[in-house]
PDB file of N, CA and C in Angstrom:
ATOM      1  N   MET A   1     223.787  93.288  10.101  1.00  0.00           N
ATOM      2  CA  MET A   1     222.635  93.850  10.804  1.00  0.00           C
ATOM      3  C   MET A   1     221.388  93.650   9.947  1.00  0.00           C
ATOM      4  N   SER A   2     220.309  93.181  10.542  1.00  0.00           N
ATOM      5  CA  SER A   2     219.078  92.929   9.794  1.00  0.00           C
ATOM      6  C   SER A   2     218.248  94.207   9.678  1.00  0.00           C
ATOM      7  N   GLU A   3     217.360  94.207   8.697  1.00  0.00           N
ATOM      8  CA  GLU A   3     216.454  95.342   8.480  1.00  0.00           C
ATOM      9  C   GLU A   3     215.448  95.423   9.630  1.00  0.00           C
ATOM     10  N   PRO A   4     215.062  96.648  10.038  1.00  0.00           N
ATOM     11  CA  PRO A   4     214.037  96.774  11.089  1.00  0.00           C
ATOM     12  C   PRO A   4     212.688  96.285  10.578  1.00  0.00           C
ATOM     13  N   ALA A   5     211.819  95.852  11.503  1.00  0.00           N
ATOM     14  CA  ALA A   5     210.488  95.377  11.125  1.00  0.00           C
ATOM     15  C   ALA A   5     209.643  96.501  10.554  1.00  0.00           C
ATOM     16  N   VAL A   6     209.851  97.732  11.058  1.00  0.00           N
ATOM     17  CA  VAL A   6     209.119  98.902  10.586  1.00  0.00           C
ATOM     18  C   VAL A   6     210.119 100.027  10.380  1.00  0.00           C
ATOM     19  N   ARG A   7     209.969 100.742   9.284  1.00  0.00           N
ATOM     20  CA  ARG A   7     210.824 101.894   9.015  1.00  0.00           C
ATOM     21  C   ARG A   7     209.934 103.107   8.799  1.00  0.00           C
ATOM     22  N   ILE A   8     210.245 104.219   9.479  1.00  0.00           N
ATOM     23  CA  ILE A   8     209.521 105.477   9.311  1.00  0.00           C
ATOM     24  C   ILE A   8     210.478 106.487   8.700  1.00  0.00           C
ATOM     25  N   THR A   9     210.086 107.033   7.551  1.00  0.00           N
ATOM     26  CA  THR A   9     210.903 108.003   6.841  1.00  0.00           C
ATOM     27  C   THR A   9     210.195 109.346   6.858  1.00  0.00           C
ATOM     28  N   VAL A  10     210.900 110.385   7.311  1.00  0.00           N
ATOM     29  CA  VAL A  10     210.355 111.739   7.315  1.00  0.00           C
ATOM     30  C   VAL A  10     210.641 112.343   5.947  1.00  0.00           C
ATOM     31  N   CYS A  11     209.585 112.639   5.194  1.00  0.00           N
ATOM     32  CA  CYS A  11     209.745 113.260   3.879  1.00  0.00           C
ATOM     33  C   CYS A  11     209.860 114.773   4.058  1.00  0.00           C
ATOM     34  N   PRO A  12     210.873 115.393   3.464  1.00  0.00           N
ATOM     35  CA  PRO A  12     211.000 116.846   3.578  1.00  0.00           C
ATOM     36  C   PRO A  12     209.735 117.522   3.056  1.00  0.00           C
ATOM     37  N   GLU A  13     209.182 118.417   3.857  1.00  0.00           N
ATOM     38  CA  GLU A  13     207.976 119.160   3.483  1.00  0.00           C
ATOM     39  C   GLU A  13     206.809 118.241   3.132  1.00  0.00           C
ATOM     40  N   GLY A  14     206.783 117.050   3.688  1.00  0.00           N
ATOM     41  CA  GLY A  14     205.716 116.106   3.357  1.00  0.00           C
ATOM     42  C   GLY A  14     205.403 115.153   4.499  1.00  0.00           C
ATOM     43  N   PRO A  15     204.813 114.001   4.176  1.00  0.00           N
ATOM     44  CA  PRO A  15     204.319 113.069   5.190  1.00  0.00           C
ATOM     45  C   PRO A  15     205.406 112.218   5.821  1.00  0.00           C
ATOM     46  N   LEU A  16     204.978 111.424   6.780  1.00  0.00           N
ATOM     47  CA  LEU A  16     205.802 110.353   7.326  1.00  0.00           C
ATOM     48  C   LEU A  16     205.446 109.093   6.555  1.00  0.00           C
ATOM     49  N   LEU A  17     206.431 108.455   5.930  1.00  0.00           N
ATOM     50  CA  LEU A  17     206.193 107.193   5.239  1.00  0.00           C
ATOM     51  C   LEU A  17     206.516 106.062   6.196  1.00  0.00           C
ATOM     52  N   VAL A  18     205.558 105.180   6.399  1.00  0.00           N
ATOM     53  CA  VAL A  18     205.725 104.044   7.299  1.00  0.00           C
ATOM     54  C   VAL A  18     205.713 102.788   6.452  1.00  0.00           C
ATOM     55  N   ARG A  19     206.792 102.017   6.558  1.00  0.00           N
ATOM     56  CA  ARG A  19     206.917 100.794   5.768  1.00  0.00           C
ATOM     57  C   ARG A  19     207.222  99.624   6.693  1.00  0.00           C
ATOM     58  N   GLY A  20     206.615  98.488   6.403  1.00  0.00           N
ATOM     59  CA  GLY A  20     206.906  97.289   7.182  1.00  0.00           C
ATOM     60  C   GLY A  20     205.648  96.543   7.568  1.00  0.00           C
ATOM     61  N   ASP A  21     205.771  95.788   8.634  1.00  0.00           N
ATOM     62  CA  ASP A  21     204.661  94.972   9.132  1.00  0.00           C
ATOM     63  C   ASP A  21     204.093  95.657  10.368  1.00  0.00           C
ATOM     64  N   PHE A  22     202.963  96.343  10.214  1.00  0.00           N
ATOM     65  CA  PHE A  22     202.393  97.141  11.288  1.00  0.00           C
ATOM     66  C   PHE A  22     200.884  97.239  11.100  1.00  0.00           C
ATOM     67  N   GLU A  23     200.205  97.769  12.109  1.00  0.00           N
ATOM     68  CA  GLU A  23     198.783  98.075  12.038  1.00  0.00           C
ATOM     69  C   GLU A  23     198.578  99.506  12.511  1.00  0.00           C
ATOM     70  N   VAL A  24     197.593 100.187  11.939  1.00  0.00           N
ATOM     71  CA  VAL A  24     197.166 101.496  12.418  1.00  0.00           C
ATOM     72  C   VAL A  24     195.805 101.275  13.072  1.00  0.00           C
ATOM     73  N   VAL A  25     195.695 101.662  14.369  1.00  0.00           N
ATOM     74  CA  VAL A  25     194.444 101.460  15.100  1.00  0.00           C
ATOM     75  C   VAL A  25     193.962 102.781  15.682  1.00  0.00           C
ATOM     76  N   ASP A  26     192.640 102.905  15.859  1.00  0.00           N
ATOM     77  CA  ASP A  26     192.080 104.108  16.485  1.00  0.00           C
ATOM     78  C   ASP A  26     192.111 103.954  18.000  1.00  0.00           C
ATOM     79  N   VAL A  27     191.603 104.964  18.710  1.00  0.00           N
ATOM     80  CA  VAL A  27     191.667 104.948  20.182  1.00  0.00           C
ATOM     81  C   VAL A  27     190.873 103.803  20.801  1.00  0.00           C
ATOM     82  N   GLU A  28     189.951 103.227  20.051  1.00  0.00           N
ATOM     83  CA  GLU A  28     189.166 102.095  20.553  1.00  0.00           C
ATOM     84  C   GLU A  28     189.773 100.760  20.162  1.00  0.00           C
ATOM     85  N   GLY A  29     190.906 100.801  19.464  1.00  0.00           N
ATOM     86  CA  GLY A  29     191.572  99.571  19.072  1.00  0.00           C
ATOM     87  C   GLY A  29     191.124  98.994  17.746  1.00  0.00           C
ATOM     88  N   ASN A  30     190.272  99.719  17.019  1.00  0.00           N
ATOM     89  CA  ASN A  30     189.814  99.245  15.716  1.00  0.00           C
ATOM     90  C   ASN A  30     190.886  99.484  14.663  1.00  0.00           C
ATOM     91  N   ARG A  31     191.153  98.474  13.849  1.00  0.00           N
ATOM     92  CA  ARG A  31     192.164  98.609  12.806  1.00  0.00           C
ATOM     93  C   ARG A  31     191.657  99.545  11.716  1.00  0.00           C
ATOM     94  N   LEU A  32     192.467 100.556  11.370  1.00  0.00           N
ATOM     95  CA  LEU A  32     192.101 101.515  10.331  1.00  0.00           C
ATOM     96  C   LEU A  32     192.611 101.093   8.969  1.00  0.00           C
ATOM     97  N   ASP A  33     193.756 100.476   8.932  1.00  0.00           N
ATOM     98  CA  ASP A  33     194.372 100.176   7.655  1.00  0.00           C
ATOM     99  C   ASP A  33     195.361  99.036   7.842  1.00  0.00           C
ATOM    100  N   LYS A  34     195.503  98.220   6.834  1.00  0.00           N
ATOM    101  CA  LYS A  34     196.508  97.156   6.868  1.00  0.00           C
ATOM    102  C   LYS A  34     197.180  97.113   5.506  1.00  0.00           C
ATOM    103  N   ARG A  35     198.304  97.782   5.426  1.00  0.00           N
ATOM    104  CA  ARG A  35     199.122  97.797   4.216  1.00  0.00           C
ATOM    105  C   ARG A  35     200.574  97.687   4.633  1.00  0.00           C
ATOM    106  N   ARG A  36     201.442  97.497   3.681  1.00  0.00           N
ATOM    107  CA  ARG A  36     202.881  97.447   3.968  1.00  0.00           C
ATOM    108  C   ARG A  36     203.509  98.836   3.951  1.00  0.00           C
ATOM    109  N   THR A  37     202.852  99.812   3.283  1.00  0.00           N
ATOM    110  CA  THR A  37     203.351 101.188   3.242  1.00  0.00           C
ATOM    111  C   THR A  37     202.178 102.149   3.336  1.00  0.00           C
ATOM    112  N   ILE A  38     202.307 103.155   4.214  1.00  0.00           N
ATOM    113  CA  ILE A  38     201.310 104.220   4.300  1.00  0.00           C
ATOM    114  C   ILE A  38     202.032 105.555   4.457  1.00  0.00           C
ATOM    115  N   ALA A  39     201.317 106.634   4.160  1.00  0.00           N
ATOM    116  CA  ALA A  39     201.833 107.990   4.375  1.00  0.00           C
ATOM    117  C   ALA A  39     200.942 108.656   5.415  1.00  0.00           C
ATOM    118  N   LEU A  40     201.552 109.109   6.507  1.00  0.00           N
ATOM    119  CA  LEU A  40     200.811 109.778   7.578  1.00  0.00           C
ATOM    120  C   LEU A  40     201.004 111.286   7.466  1.00  0.00           C
ATOM    121  N   CYS A  41     199.900 112.023   7.606  1.00  0.00           N
ATOM    122  CA  CYS A  41     199.903 113.477   7.488  1.00  0.00           C
ATOM    123  C   CYS A  41     200.735 114.122   8.588  1.00  0.00           C
ATOM    124  N   ARG A  42     201.555 115.109   8.216  1.00  0.00           N
ATOM    125  CA  ARG A  42     202.279 115.926   9.188  1.00  0.00           C
ATOM    126  C   ARG A  42     201.799 117.368   9.178  1.00  0.00           C
ATOM    127  N   CYS A  43     201.109 117.782   8.106  1.00  0.00           N
ATOM    128  CA  CYS A  43     200.751 119.201   7.967  1.00  0.00           C
ATOM    129  C   CYS A  43     199.464 119.560   8.694  1.00  0.00           C
ATOM    130  N   GLY A  44     198.641 118.569   9.013  1.00  0.00           N
ATOM    131  CA  GLY A  44     197.383 118.821   9.698  1.00  0.00           C
ATOM    132  C   GLY A  44     196.224 119.188   8.790  1.00  0.00           C
ATOM    133  N   GLY A  45     196.460 119.278   7.490  1.00  0.00           N
ATOM    134  CA  GLY A  45     195.420 119.713   6.568  1.00  0.00           C
ATOM    135  C   GLY A  45     194.716 118.615   5.803  1.00  0.00           C
ATOM    136  N   SER A  46     195.134 117.384   5.962  1.00  0.00           N
ATOM    137  CA  SER A  46     194.560 116.282   5.196  1.00  0.00           C
ATOM    138  C   SER A  46     193.086 116.065   5.512  1.00  0.00           C
ATOM    139  N   ALA A  47     192.307 115.786   4.494  1.00  0.00           N
ATOM    140  CA  ALA A  47     190.896 115.450   4.680  1.00  0.00           C
ATOM    141  C   ALA A  47     190.736 113.974   5.038  1.00  0.00           C
ATOM    142  N   THR A  48     191.825 113.216   4.977  1.00  0.00           N
ATOM    143  CA  THR A  48     191.773 111.778   5.256  1.00  0.00           C
ATOM    144  C   THR A  48     192.663 111.405   6.439  1.00  0.00           C
ATOM    145  N   LYS A  49     192.767 112.315   7.428  1.00  0.00           N
ATOM    146  CA  LYS A  49     193.617 112.058   8.595  1.00  0.00           C
ATOM    147  C   LYS A  49     193.312 110.700   9.205  1.00  0.00           C
ATOM    148  N   PRO A  50     194.287 109.977   9.643  1.00  0.00           N
ATOM    149  CA  PRO A  50     195.671 110.376   9.817  1.00  0.00           C
ATOM    150  C   PRO A  50     196.521 110.220   8.562  1.00  0.00           C
ATOM    151  N   PHE A  51     195.896 109.853   7.460  1.00  0.00           N
ATOM    152  CA  PHE A  51     196.639 109.588   6.228  1.00  0.00           C
ATOM    153  C   PHE A  51     196.833 110.863   5.415  1.00  0.00           C
ATOM    154  N   CYS A  52     197.920 110.907   4.681  1.00  0.00           N
ATOM    155  CA  CYS A  52     198.237 112.055   3.829  1.00  0.00           C
ATOM    156  C   CYS A  52     197.397 112.007   2.556  1.00  0.00           C
ATOM    157  N   ASP A  53     196.875 113.178   2.157  1.00  0.00           N
ATOM    158  CA  ASP A  53     196.150 113.271   0.881  1.00  0.00           C
ATOM    159  C   ASP A  53     196.811 114.267  -0.075  1.00  0.00           C
ATOM    160  N   GLY A  54     198.026 114.713   0.264  1.00  0.00           N
ATOM    161  CA  GLY A  54     198.762 115.629  -0.602  1.00  0.00           C
ATOM    162  C   GLY A  54     198.512 117.102  -0.328  1.00  0.00           C
ATOM    163  N   THR A  55     197.689 117.422   0.666  1.00  0.00           N
ATOM    164  CA  THR A  55     197.364 118.808   0.975  1.00  0.00           C
ATOM    165  C   THR A  55     198.608 119.633   1.298  1.00  0.00           C
ATOM    166  N   HIS A  56     199.643 119.008   1.842  1.00  0.00           N
ATOM    167  CA  HIS A  56     200.869 119.727   2.186  1.00  0.00           C
ATOM    168  C   HIS A  56     201.472 120.456   0.985  1.00  0.00           C
ATOM    169  N   LYS A  57     201.169 119.990  -0.213  1.00  0.00           N
ATOM    170  CA  LYS A  57     201.703 120.615  -1.427  1.00  0.00           C
ATOM    171  C   LYS A  57     201.088 121.978  -1.713  1.00  0.00           C
ATOM    172  N   VAL A  58     199.880 122.197  -1.191  1.00  0.00           N
ATOM    173  CA  VAL A  58     199.187 123.457  -1.494  1.00  0.00           C
ATOM    174  C   VAL A  58     198.951 124.363  -0.281  1.00  0.00           C
ATOM    175  N   ASN A  59     199.191 123.848   0.936  1.00  0.00           N
ATOM    176  CA  ASN A  59     198.907 124.687   2.111  1.00  0.00           C
ATOM    177  C   ASN A  59     200.142 125.359   2.712  1.00  0.00           C
ATOM    178  N   GLY A  60     201.259 125.259   2.036  1.00  0.00           N
ATOM    179  CA  GLY A  60     202.461 125.944   2.491  1.00  0.00           C
ATOM    180  C   GLY A  60     203.174 125.275   3.653  1.00  0.00           C
ATOM    181  N   PHE A  61     202.941 123.986   3.869  1.00  0.00           N
ATOM    182  CA  PHE A  61     203.582 123.282   4.980  1.00  0.00           C
ATOM    183  C   PHE A  61     205.093 123.331   4.839  1.00  0.00           C
ATOM    184  N   GLU A  62     205.755 123.672   5.934  1.00  0.00           N
ATOM    185  CA  GLU A  62     207.207 123.616   6.023  1.00  0.00           C
ATOM    186  C   GLU A  62     207.561 122.789   7.238  1.00  0.00           C
ATOM    187  N   ARG A  63     208.526 121.927   7.094  1.00  0.00           N
ATOM    188  CA  ARG A  63     208.857 121.068   8.216  1.00  0.00           C
ATOM    189  C   ARG A  63     209.317 121.888   9.422  1.00  0.00           C
ATOM    190  N   PRO A  64     208.936 121.441  10.614  1.00  0.00           N
ATOM    191  CA  PRO A  64     209.330 122.152  11.841  1.00  0.00           C
ATOM    192  C   PRO A  64     210.812 121.997  12.117  1.00  0.00           C
TER     193      PRO A  64
END
């Protein structure tokens, strides 16, 4: 079985790690970022949404 083109890993008490060949675009279709790995915020407290800035470590985020 081959590796998936994109892998999303849910980090306990932390972000979603997205790895692979992908693009992040806004509602108008503009590319926000082009990397092979990004961390997406799950706690809602990041100042750099949709990307994680580590705020989950200090705001008491617990996974749902």
